[in-house]
Amino acid sequence: MTDPQRQPEPILERLFSLRGKVALVTGAAGGLGAVLARALAEAGAHLAVQDLESEPTKAVASSIEALGAEAVALSGDLGDVATCRRVVAEAAQAWGRLDILLTCAAVNRRKPIVEVTEEDFDHISAINTKAVYFLSQAAQPYLKQQPHLKQRGGGKIIHIGSINPFYALDNVSVYGLSKGAVVQMTRAMAVEWAADNIQVNCIAPGFLRTPLSQPLWDDATTSRWLRSRIPQRRPGEPEELIGTTLLLASGASSYLTGQTIIIDGGFDSGGSWQRDPEFG
């Protein structure tokens, strides 16, 4: 019989709470990573935050602690596979477990294809693709060990992709192909690790207002072009990825895996001959 005195667990708490979970966020000192790391902390997670330089990373950890949550700061160059493995191990050791990996670290160099050097190609690919692959590989043994009920979801991997694999733009060819690899990586990991109760998904932002994209919004012609083609007529803000991130990090997404969710204000959906007259 049902106990009449027992109150049901609130549905938002049951589905979306991250209380007691441990999340590792790479690229956490960036405009997007810092926002998402703090959101995970506000949802109840303990955080390990990583970025290249130690001082900015410590500042993000301090901002999380100011929210009343707990965080450790980890630094290092993710272009080195040994660093990827160390960061994952240190995050798990700090809290005794690892439940969520969120890969936000990314770099870009805007050049036409004819000017791209081998060093440009290798640098972008190392951070945007190779590091994501080996961070995930290192996290998998920890994520599969978590004693979650299957209906609540298990370990979570969330990759930050890009709209560039779906809409080619000039001067970002290497960035686009590196993020395209992340989309395919998401599918492959979801298939291989489904038996481990690990859900792997990707968020593909459109044109957000972040330090990485600020040159686009600072350029009058580019900014006008973007605003004329984004149906919502504005850049996205990092905070507008929080809802999807919490969905993918929580038990609410227990049957959602291998997917890339585009968040772009409608850019990828199409345009309007009536509403987009300026550039034809």
C-alpha atoms as a PDB file:
ATOM      1  CA  MET A   1       0.000   0.000   0.000  1.00  0.00           C
ATOM      2  CA  THR A   2       1.034   3.584  -0.585  1.00  0.00           C
ATOM      3  CA  ASP A   3       2.010   5.443   2.554  1.00  0.00           C
ATOM      4  CA  PRO A   4      -0.410   8.416   2.767  1.00  0.00           C
ATOM      5  CA  GLN A   5       2.154  10.326   4.834  1.00  0.00           C
ATOM      6  CA  ARG A   6       4.914   9.950   2.242  1.00  0.00           C
ATOM      7  CA  GLN A   7       5.255  12.964  -0.017  1.00  0.00           C
ATOM      8  CA  PRO A   8       6.182  12.285  -3.650  1.00  0.00           C
ATOM      9  CA  GLU A   9       9.560  13.594  -4.780  1.00  0.00           C
ATOM     10  CA  PRO A  10       9.015  16.794  -6.793  1.00  0.00           C
ATOM     11  CA  ILE A  11       9.324  15.991 -10.487  1.00  0.00           C
ATOM     12  CA  LEU A  12      11.927  18.685 -11.218  1.00  0.00           C
ATOM     13  CA  GLU A  13      14.077  17.395  -8.374  1.00  0.00           C
ATOM     14  CA  ARG A  14      13.614  13.796  -9.491  1.00  0.00           C
ATOM     15  CA  LEU A  15      14.508  14.484 -13.108  1.00  0.00           C
ATOM     16  CA  PHE A  16      16.974  17.349 -13.102  1.00  0.00           C
ATOM     17  CA  SER A  17      18.778  17.484  -9.768  1.00  0.00           C
ATOM     18  CA  LEU A  18      22.520  16.840  -9.880  1.00  0.00           C
ATOM     19  CA  ARG A  19      22.885  16.729  -6.112  1.00  0.00           C
ATOM     20  CA  GLY A  20      25.848  14.570  -5.179  1.00  0.00           C
ATOM     21  CA  LYS A  21      27.064  14.156  -8.772  1.00  0.00           C
ATOM     22  CA  VAL A  22      30.577  15.086  -9.896  1.00  0.00           C
ATOM     23  CA  ALA A  23      31.172  16.969 -13.142  1.00  0.00           C
ATOM     24  CA  LEU A  24      34.389  17.738 -14.993  1.00  0.00           C
ATOM     25  CA  VAL A  25      34.170  20.768 -17.303  1.00  0.00           C
ATOM     26  CA  THR A  26      37.047  21.475 -19.680  1.00  0.00           C
ATOM     27  CA  GLY A  27      37.599  24.935 -21.099  1.00  0.00           C
ATOM     28  CA  ALA A  28      35.892  26.198 -17.958  1.00  0.00           C
ATOM     29  CA  ALA A  29      37.563  29.603 -17.971  1.00  0.00           C
ATOM     30  CA  GLY A  30      35.994  30.454 -21.332  1.00  0.00           C
ATOM     31  CA  GLY A  31      32.829  32.431 -21.850  1.00  0.00           C
ATOM     32  CA  LEU A  32      30.692  29.328 -22.359  1.00  0.00           C
ATOM     33  CA  GLY A  33      32.482  26.887 -20.064  1.00  0.00           C
ATOM     34  CA  ALA A  34      32.307  29.164 -17.026  1.00  0.00           C
ATOM     35  CA  VAL A  35      28.569  29.723 -17.427  1.00  0.00           C
ATOM     36  CA  LEU A  36      27.822  26.017 -17.811  1.00  0.00           C
ATOM     37  CA  ALA A  37      30.123  24.996 -14.959  1.00  0.00           C
ATOM     38  CA  ARG A  38      28.321  27.362 -12.587  1.00  0.00           C
ATOM     39  CA  ALA A  39      24.942  26.054 -13.802  1.00  0.00           C
ATOM     40  CA  LEU A  40      25.943  22.468 -13.024  1.00  0.00           C
ATOM     41  CA  ALA A  41      27.056  23.584  -9.578  1.00  0.00           C
ATOM     42  CA  GLU A  42      23.750  25.378  -8.957  1.00  0.00           C
ATOM     43  CA  ALA A  43      21.968  22.136  -9.867  1.00  0.00           C
ATOM     44  CA  GLY A  44      23.876  20.411  -7.066  1.00  0.00           C
ATOM     45  CA  ALA A  45      27.008  18.958  -8.664  1.00  0.00           C
ATOM     46  CA  HIS A  46      30.530  19.050  -7.295  1.00  0.00           C
ATOM     47  CA  LEU A  47      32.800  20.539  -9.960  1.00  0.00           C
ATOM     48  CA  ALA A  48      36.261  19.959 -11.336  1.00  0.00           C
ATOM     49  CA  VAL A  49      37.041  22.807 -13.718  1.00  0.00           C
ATOM     50  CA  GLN A  50      39.904  22.761 -16.206  1.00  0.00           C
ATOM     51  CA  ASP A  51      41.552  25.267 -18.496  1.00  0.00           C
ATOM     52  CA  LEU A  52      44.983  26.015 -19.901  1.00  0.00           C
ATOM     53  CA  GLU A  53      46.092  28.641 -17.365  1.00  0.00           C
ATOM     54  CA  SER A  54      45.844  28.093 -13.625  1.00  0.00           C
ATOM     55  CA  GLU A  55      44.809  31.573 -12.451  1.00  0.00           C
ATOM     56  CA  PRO A  56      41.684  31.981 -14.639  1.00  0.00           C
ATOM     57  CA  THR A  57      40.695  28.422 -13.761  1.00  0.00           C
ATOM     58  CA  LYS A  58      41.052  29.131 -10.047  1.00  0.00           C
ATOM     59  CA  ALA A  59      38.896  32.225 -10.507  1.00  0.00           C
ATOM     60  CA  VAL A  60      36.099  30.090 -11.979  1.00  0.00           C
ATOM     61  CA  ALA A  61      36.409  27.630  -9.089  1.00  0.00           C
ATOM     62  CA  SER A  62      36.164  30.545  -6.645  1.00  0.00           C
ATOM     63  CA  SER A  63      33.033  31.848  -8.388  1.00  0.00           C
ATOM     64  CA  ILE A  64      31.459  28.413  -7.987  1.00  0.00           C
ATOM     65  CA  GLU A  65      32.369  28.300  -4.313  1.00  0.00           C
ATOM     66  CA  ALA A  66      30.759  31.731  -3.920  1.00  0.00           C
ATOM     67  CA  LEU A  67      27.489  30.041  -4.931  1.00  0.00           C
ATOM     68  CA  GLY A  68      27.836  27.707  -1.956  1.00  0.00           C
ATOM     69  CA  ALA A  69      29.029  24.783  -4.096  1.00  0.00           C
ATOM     70  CA  GLU A  70      32.367  23.002  -4.196  1.00  0.00           C
ATOM     71  CA  ALA A  71      34.966  23.035  -6.954  1.00  0.00           C
ATOM     72  CA  VAL A  72      38.568  22.111  -7.658  1.00  0.00           C
ATOM     73  CA  ALA A  73      40.687  23.824 -10.318  1.00  0.00           C
ATOM     74  CA  LEU A  74      42.827  21.810 -12.735  1.00  0.00           C
ATOM     75  CA  SER A  75      45.072  23.261 -15.405  1.00  0.00           C
ATOM     76  CA  GLY A  76      47.066  21.985 -18.336  1.00  0.00           C
ATOM     77  CA  ASP A  77      47.355  21.821 -22.117  1.00  0.00           C
ATOM     78  CA  LEU A  78      44.803  19.364 -23.482  1.00  0.00           C
ATOM     79  CA  GLY A  79      46.784  19.130 -26.698  1.00  0.00           C
ATOM     80  CA  ASP A  80      48.846  16.564 -24.776  1.00  0.00           C
ATOM     81  CA  VAL A  81      47.027  13.226 -24.352  1.00  0.00           C
ATOM     82  CA  ALA A  82      48.848  12.555 -21.073  1.00  0.00           C
ATOM     83  CA  THR A  83      47.371  15.796 -19.724  1.00  0.00           C
ATOM     84  CA  CYS A  84      43.878  14.701 -20.774  1.00  0.00           C
ATOM     85  CA  ARG A  85      44.282  11.487 -18.807  1.00  0.00           C
ATOM     86  CA  ARG A  86      45.756  13.294 -15.805  1.00  0.00           C
ATOM     87  CA  VAL A  87      42.926  15.828 -15.669  1.00  0.00           C
ATOM     88  CA  VAL A  88      40.262  13.108 -15.696  1.00  0.00           C
ATOM     89  CA  ALA A  89      42.077  11.093 -13.029  1.00  0.00           C
ATOM     90  CA  GLU A  90      42.555  14.138 -10.791  1.00  0.00           C
ATOM     91  CA  ALA A  91      38.898  15.103 -11.119  1.00  0.00           C
ATOM     92  CA  ALA A  92      37.786  11.612 -10.109  1.00  0.00           C
ATOM     93  CA  GLN A  93      40.295  11.453  -7.265  1.00  0.00           C
ATOM     94  CA  ALA A  94      39.221  14.827  -5.896  1.00  0.00           C
ATOM     95  CA  TRP A  95      35.638  13.669  -5.306  1.00  0.00           C
ATOM     96  CA  GLY A  96      35.969   9.882  -5.363  1.00  0.00           C
ATOM     97  CA  ARG A  97      33.854   9.511  -8.494  1.00  0.00           C
ATOM     98  CA  LEU A  98      32.995  11.061 -11.839  1.00  0.00           C
ATOM     99  CA  ASP A  99      29.477  11.267 -13.264  1.00  0.00           C
ATOM    100  CA  ILE A 100      29.560  13.961 -15.966  1.00  0.00           C
ATOM    101  CA  LEU A 101      32.131  15.062 -18.537  1.00  0.00           C
ATOM    102  CA  LEU A 102      31.432  18.325 -20.352  1.00  0.00           C
ATOM    103  CA  THR A 103      33.988  19.167 -23.058  1.00  0.00           C
ATOM    104  CA  CYS A 104      33.944  22.914 -23.717  1.00  0.00           C
ATOM    105  CA  ALA A 105      37.610  23.516 -24.547  1.00  0.00           C
ATOM    106  CA  ALA A 106      38.091  24.698 -28.129  1.00  0.00           C
ATOM    107  CA  VAL A 107      40.361  26.898 -30.231  1.00  0.00           C
ATOM    108  CA  ASN A 108      40.111  28.530 -33.638  1.00  0.00           C
ATOM    109  CA  ARG A 109      42.280  30.390 -36.133  1.00  0.00           C
ATOM    110  CA  ARG A 110      40.347  32.236 -38.821  1.00  0.00           C
ATOM    111  CA  LYS A 111      42.166  31.831 -42.128  1.00  0.00           C
ATOM    112  CA  PRO A 112      41.234  31.030 -45.723  1.00  0.00           C
ATOM    113  CA  ILE A 113      42.101  27.471 -46.730  1.00  0.00           C
ATOM    114  CA  VAL A 114      45.034  28.590 -48.909  1.00  0.00           C
ATOM    115  CA  GLU A 115      46.721  30.192 -45.874  1.00  0.00           C
ATOM    116  CA  VAL A 116      46.226  27.369 -43.352  1.00  0.00           C
ATOM    117  CA  THR A 117      49.526  25.874 -42.212  1.00  0.00           C
ATOM    118  CA  GLU A 118      50.161  22.372 -40.964  1.00  0.00           C
ATOM    119  CA  GLU A 119      50.737  23.834 -37.510  1.00  0.00           C
ATOM    120  CA  ASP A 120      47.339  25.604 -37.655  1.00  0.00           C
ATOM    121  CA  PHE A 121      45.654  22.349 -38.641  1.00  0.00           C
ATOM    122  CA  ASP A 122      47.384  20.300 -35.954  1.00  0.00           C
ATOM    123  CA  HIS A 123      46.771  22.855 -33.193  1.00  0.00           C
ATOM    124  CA  ILE A 124      43.045  23.183 -33.854  1.00  0.00           C
ATOM    125  CA  SER A 125      42.560  19.441 -34.342  1.00  0.00           C
ATOM    126  CA  ALA A 126      44.516  18.585 -31.194  1.00  0.00           C
ATOM    127  CA  ILE A 127      42.248  20.605 -28.907  1.00  0.00           C
ATOM    128  CA  ASN A 128      38.909  20.362 -30.703  1.00  0.00           C
ATOM    129  CA  THR A 129      39.001  16.688 -31.702  1.00  0.00           C
ATOM    130  CA  LYS A 130      41.891  14.651 -30.308  1.00  0.00           C
ATOM    131  CA  ALA A 131      41.536  15.968 -26.755  1.00  0.00           C
ATOM    132  CA  VAL A 132      37.780  15.381 -26.760  1.00  0.00           C
ATOM    133  CA  TYR A 133      38.362  11.788 -27.873  1.00  0.00           C
ATOM    134  CA  PHE A 134      40.961  10.964 -25.251  1.00  0.00           C
ATOM    135  CA  LEU A 135      39.229  12.827 -22.422  1.00  0.00           C
ATOM    136  CA  SER A 136      36.177  10.689 -23.112  1.00  0.00           C
ATOM    137  CA  GLN A 137      38.252   7.530 -23.321  1.00  0.00           C
ATOM    138  CA  ALA A 138      39.832   8.319 -19.950  1.00  0.00           C
ATOM    139  CA  ALA A 139      36.468   9.152 -18.363  1.00  0.00           C
ATOM    140  CA  GLN A 140      34.656   6.020 -19.540  1.00  0.00           C
ATOM    141  CA  PRO A 141      35.927   3.655 -16.816  1.00  0.00           C
ATOM    142  CA  TYR A 142      34.797   6.076 -14.095  1.00  0.00           C
ATOM    143  CA  LEU A 143      31.433   6.825 -15.677  1.00  0.00           C
ATOM    144  CA  LYS A 144      30.475   3.186 -16.112  1.00  0.00           C
ATOM    145  CA  GLN A 145      31.228   2.382 -12.473  1.00  0.00           C
ATOM    146  CA  GLN A 146      28.555   4.642 -11.061  1.00  0.00           C
ATOM    147  CA  PRO A 147      25.760   2.700  -9.303  1.00  0.00           C
ATOM    148  CA  HIS A 148      22.856   4.596 -10.883  1.00  0.00           C
ATOM    149  CA  LEU A 149      19.534   2.955 -11.535  1.00  0.00           C
ATOM    150  CA  LYS A 150      19.127   2.532 -15.271  1.00  0.00           C
ATOM    151  CA  GLN A 151      15.858   4.409 -15.382  1.00  0.00           C
ATOM    152  CA  ARG A 152      17.618   7.457 -13.914  1.00  0.00           C
ATOM    153  CA  GLY A 153      20.427   7.446 -16.430  1.00  0.00           C
ATOM    154  CA  GLY A 154      24.058   6.616 -15.891  1.00  0.00           C
ATOM    155  CA  GLY A 155      27.256   8.435 -16.733  1.00  0.00           C
ATOM    156  CA  LYS A 156      26.936  11.477 -18.981  1.00  0.00           C
ATOM    157  CA  ILE A 157      29.234  12.874 -21.651  1.00  0.00           C
ATOM    158  CA  ILE A 158      28.290  16.184 -23.249  1.00  0.00           C
ATOM    159  CA  HIS A 159      30.385  17.528 -26.090  1.00  0.00           C
ATOM    160  CA  ILE A 160      30.158  21.118 -27.247  1.00  0.00           C
ATOM    161  CA  GLY A 161      30.116  21.060 -31.032  1.00  0.00           C
ATOM    162  CA  SER A 162      29.242  23.821 -33.474  1.00  0.00           C
ATOM    163  CA  ILE A 163      26.864  24.740 -36.236  1.00  0.00           C
ATOM    164  CA  ASN A 164      29.834  24.793 -38.640  1.00  0.00           C
ATOM    165  CA  PRO A 165      29.568  21.105 -39.650  1.00  0.00           C
ATOM    166  CA  PHE A 166      26.022  21.835 -40.858  1.00  0.00           C
ATOM    167  CA  TYR A 167      26.621  25.225 -42.514  1.00  0.00           C
ATOM    168  CA  ALA A 168      30.014  25.852 -44.077  1.00  0.00           C
ATOM    169  CA  LEU A 169      31.532  29.302 -43.708  1.00  0.00           C
ATOM    170  CA  ASP A 170      34.732  30.660 -45.178  1.00  0.00           C
ATOM    171  CA  ASN A 171      37.866  31.107 -43.058  1.00  0.00           C
ATOM    172  CA  VAL A 172      36.900  28.421 -40.503  1.00  0.00           C
ATOM    173  CA  SER A 173      37.478  25.238 -42.511  1.00  0.00           C
ATOM    174  CA  VAL A 174      39.648  23.449 -39.941  1.00  0.00           C
ATOM    175  CA  TYR A 175      37.400  24.460 -37.052  1.00  0.00           C
ATOM    176  CA  GLY A 176      34.362  23.191 -38.928  1.00  0.00           C
ATOM    177  CA  LEU A 177      35.874  19.820 -39.772  1.00  0.00           C
ATOM    178  CA  SER A 178      37.172  19.393 -36.214  1.00  0.00           C
ATOM    179  CA  LYS A 179      33.675  19.965 -34.860  1.00  0.00           C
ATOM    180  CA  GLY A 180      32.211  17.675 -37.518  1.00  0.00           C
ATOM    181  CA  ALA A 181      34.436  14.955 -36.101  1.00  0.00           C
ATOM    182  CA  VAL A 182      32.939  15.624 -32.667  1.00  0.00           C
ATOM    183  CA  VAL A 183      29.436  15.040 -34.056  1.00  0.00           C
ATOM    184  CA  GLN A 184      30.469  11.633 -35.423  1.00  0.00           C
ATOM    185  CA  MET A 185      32.441  10.872 -32.258  1.00  0.00           C
ATOM    186  CA  THR A 186      29.265  11.467 -30.261  1.00  0.00           C
ATOM    187  CA  ARG A 187      27.406   8.816 -32.259  1.00  0.00           C
ATOM    188  CA  ALA A 188      30.202   6.260 -32.019  1.00  0.00           C
ATOM    189  CA  MET A 189      30.644   6.707 -28.276  1.00  0.00           C
ATOM    190  CA  ALA A 190      26.886   6.498 -27.704  1.00  0.00           C
ATOM    191  CA  VAL A 191      26.758   3.163 -29.506  1.00  0.00           C
ATOM    192  CA  GLU A 192      29.840   1.624 -27.903  1.00  0.00           C
ATOM    193  CA  TRP A 193      29.076   2.756 -24.361  1.00  0.00           C
ATOM    194  CA  ALA A 194      25.338   2.198 -24.245  1.00  0.00           C
ATOM    195  CA  ALA A 195      26.038  -1.153 -22.557  1.00  0.00           C
ATOM    196  CA  ASP A 196      27.881   0.782 -19.822  1.00  0.00           C
ATOM    197  CA  ASN A 197      24.796   2.952 -19.201  1.00  0.00           C
ATOM    198  CA  ILE A 198      26.627   6.047 -20.451  1.00  0.00           C
ATOM    199  CA  GLN A 199      24.673   8.585 -22.489  1.00  0.00           C
ATOM    200  CA  VAL A 200      26.727  10.672 -24.926  1.00  0.00           C
ATOM    201  CA  ASN A 201      25.293  13.750 -26.628  1.00  0.00           C
ATOM    202  CA  CYS A 202      26.486  16.912 -28.337  1.00  0.00           C
ATOM    203  CA  ILE A 203      25.284  20.511 -28.191  1.00  0.00           C
ATOM    204  CA  ALA A 204      25.930  22.466 -31.394  1.00  0.00           C
ATOM    205  CA  PRO A 205      25.649  26.193 -30.675  1.00  0.00           C
ATOM    206  CA  GLY A 206      25.011  28.686 -33.400  1.00  0.00           C
ATOM    207  CA  PHE A 207      26.422  32.175 -33.176  1.00  0.00           C
ATOM    208  CA  LEU A 208      26.786  32.941 -29.490  1.00  0.00           C
ATOM    209  CA  ARG A 209      28.296  36.039 -27.960  1.00  0.00           C
ATOM    210  CA  THR A 210      31.525  34.639 -26.448  1.00  0.00           C
ATOM    211  CA  PRO A 211      35.183  35.724 -26.480  1.00  0.00           C
ATOM    212  CA  LEU A 212      35.849  33.156 -29.246  1.00  0.00           C
ATOM    213  CA  SER A 213      33.156  34.646 -31.497  1.00  0.00           C
ATOM    214  CA  GLN A 214      33.533  38.296 -30.496  1.00  0.00           C
ATOM    215  CA  PRO A 215      35.490  39.196 -33.657  1.00  0.00           C
ATOM    216  CA  LEU A 216      32.377  38.299 -35.672  1.00  0.00           C
ATOM    217  CA  TRP A 217      30.129  40.600 -33.688  1.00  0.00           C
ATOM    218  CA  ASP A 218      32.730  43.382 -33.669  1.00  0.00           C
ATOM    219  CA  ASP A 219      32.867  43.404 -37.471  1.00  0.00           C
ATOM    220  CA  ALA A 220      30.011  45.560 -38.771  1.00  0.00           C
ATOM    221  CA  THR A 221      29.546  43.668 -42.047  1.00  0.00           C
ATOM    222  CA  THR A 222      29.666  40.203 -40.483  1.00  0.00           C
ATOM    223  CA  SER A 223      27.398  41.208 -37.634  1.00  0.00           C
ATOM    224  CA  ARG A 224      24.848  42.665 -40.058  1.00  0.00           C
ATOM    225  CA  TRP A 225      24.996  39.516 -42.206  1.00  0.00           C
ATOM    226  CA  LEU A 226      24.415  37.269 -39.186  1.00  0.00           C
ATOM    227  CA  ARG A 227      21.560  39.313 -37.763  1.00  0.00           C
ATOM    228  CA  SER A 228      19.857  39.336 -41.172  1.00  0.00           C
ATOM    229  CA  ARG A 229      19.961  35.530 -41.359  1.00  0.00           C
ATOM    230  CA  ILE A 230      19.280  34.422 -37.797  1.00  0.00           C
ATOM    231  CA  PRO A 231      15.471  34.247 -37.548  1.00  0.00           C
ATOM    232  CA  GLN A 232      15.612  35.553 -33.978  1.00  0.00           C
ATOM    233  CA  ARG A 233      17.738  38.478 -35.259  1.00  0.00           C
ATOM    234  CA  ARG A 234      20.313  38.399 -32.455  1.00  0.00           C
ATOM    235  CA  PRO A 235      23.303  36.470 -31.139  1.00  0.00           C
ATOM    236  CA  GLY A 236      22.702  33.747 -28.615  1.00  0.00           C
ATOM    237  CA  GLU A 237      23.948  34.112 -25.062  1.00  0.00           C
ATOM    238  CA  PRO A 238      25.869  31.356 -23.232  1.00  0.00           C
ATOM    239  CA  GLU A 239      23.104  31.212 -20.622  1.00  0.00           C
ATOM    240  CA  GLU A 240      20.741  29.974 -23.329  1.00  0.00           C
ATOM    241  CA  LEU A 241      22.580  26.635 -23.390  1.00  0.00           C
ATOM    242  CA  ILE A 242      21.998  25.982 -19.688  1.00  0.00           C
ATOM    243  CA  GLY A 243      18.624  24.275 -20.045  1.00  0.00           C
ATOM    244  CA  THR A 244      19.857  21.772 -22.625  1.00  0.00           C
ATOM    245  CA  THR A 245      23.025  21.130 -20.634  1.00  0.00           C
ATOM    246  CA  LEU A 246      21.055  20.332 -17.485  1.00  0.00           C
ATOM    247  CA  LEU A 247      18.795  18.023 -19.486  1.00  0.00           C
ATOM    248  CA  LEU A 248      21.761  16.116 -20.915  1.00  0.00           C
ATOM    249  CA  ALA A 249      23.605  15.997 -17.573  1.00  0.00           C
ATOM    250  CA  SER A 250      20.643  14.694 -15.566  1.00  0.00           C
ATOM    251  CA  GLY A 251      18.463  11.640 -15.280  1.00  0.00           C
ATOM    252  CA  ALA A 252      15.883  13.383 -17.469  1.00  0.00           C
ATOM    253  CA  SER A 253      17.890  12.273 -20.532  1.00  0.00           C
ATOM    254  CA  SER A 254      18.195   8.589 -19.571  1.00  0.00           C
ATOM    255  CA  TYR A 255      16.941   7.457 -23.027  1.00  0.00           C
ATOM    256  CA  LEU A 256      18.544  10.255 -25.047  1.00  0.00           C
ATOM    257  CA  THR A 257      21.924   9.395 -26.531  1.00  0.00           C
ATOM    258  CA  GLY A 258      23.963   9.837 -29.705  1.00  0.00           C
ATOM    259  CA  GLN A 259      22.227  13.093 -30.588  1.00  0.00           C
ATOM    260  CA  THR A 260      23.452  16.523 -31.631  1.00  0.00           C
ATOM    261  CA  ILE A 261      21.134  19.312 -30.548  1.00  0.00           C
ATOM    262  CA  ILE A 262      21.506  22.544 -32.539  1.00  0.00           C
ATOM    263  CA  ILE A 263      20.836  25.740 -30.582  1.00  0.00           C
ATOM    264  CA  ASP A 264      21.078  28.586 -33.075  1.00  0.00           C
ATOM    265  CA  GLY A 265      18.025  30.848 -32.956  1.00  0.00           C
ATOM    266  CA  GLY A 266      16.678  29.121 -36.077  1.00  0.00           C
ATOM    267  CA  PHE A 267      19.716  29.769 -38.311  1.00  0.00           C
ATOM    268  CA  ASP A 268      19.985  26.166 -39.534  1.00  0.00           C
ATOM    269  CA  SER A 269      16.251  25.934 -40.188  1.00  0.00           C
ATOM    270  CA  GLY A 270      16.333  28.319 -43.135  1.00  0.00           C
ATOM    271  CA  GLY A 271      15.603  31.895 -44.099  1.00  0.00           C
ATOM    272  CA  SER A 272      12.960  34.149 -45.541  1.00  0.00           C
ATOM    273  CA  TRP A 273      12.976  35.995 -48.870  1.00  0.00           C
ATOM    274  CA  GLN A 274      10.578  38.516 -47.331  1.00  0.00           C
ATOM    275  CA  ARG A 275      12.383  39.042 -44.041  1.00  0.00           C
ATOM    276  CA  ASP A 276      16.024  38.748 -45.186  1.00  0.00           C
ATOM    277  CA  PRO A 277      16.243  41.302 -47.998  1.00  0.00           C
ATOM    278  CA  GLU A 278      19.497  43.058 -47.194  1.00  0.00           C
ATOM    279  CA  PHE A 279      21.939  40.515 -48.592  1.00  0.00           C
ATOM    280  CA  GLY A 280      19.640  38.725 -51.064  1.00  0.00           C
END
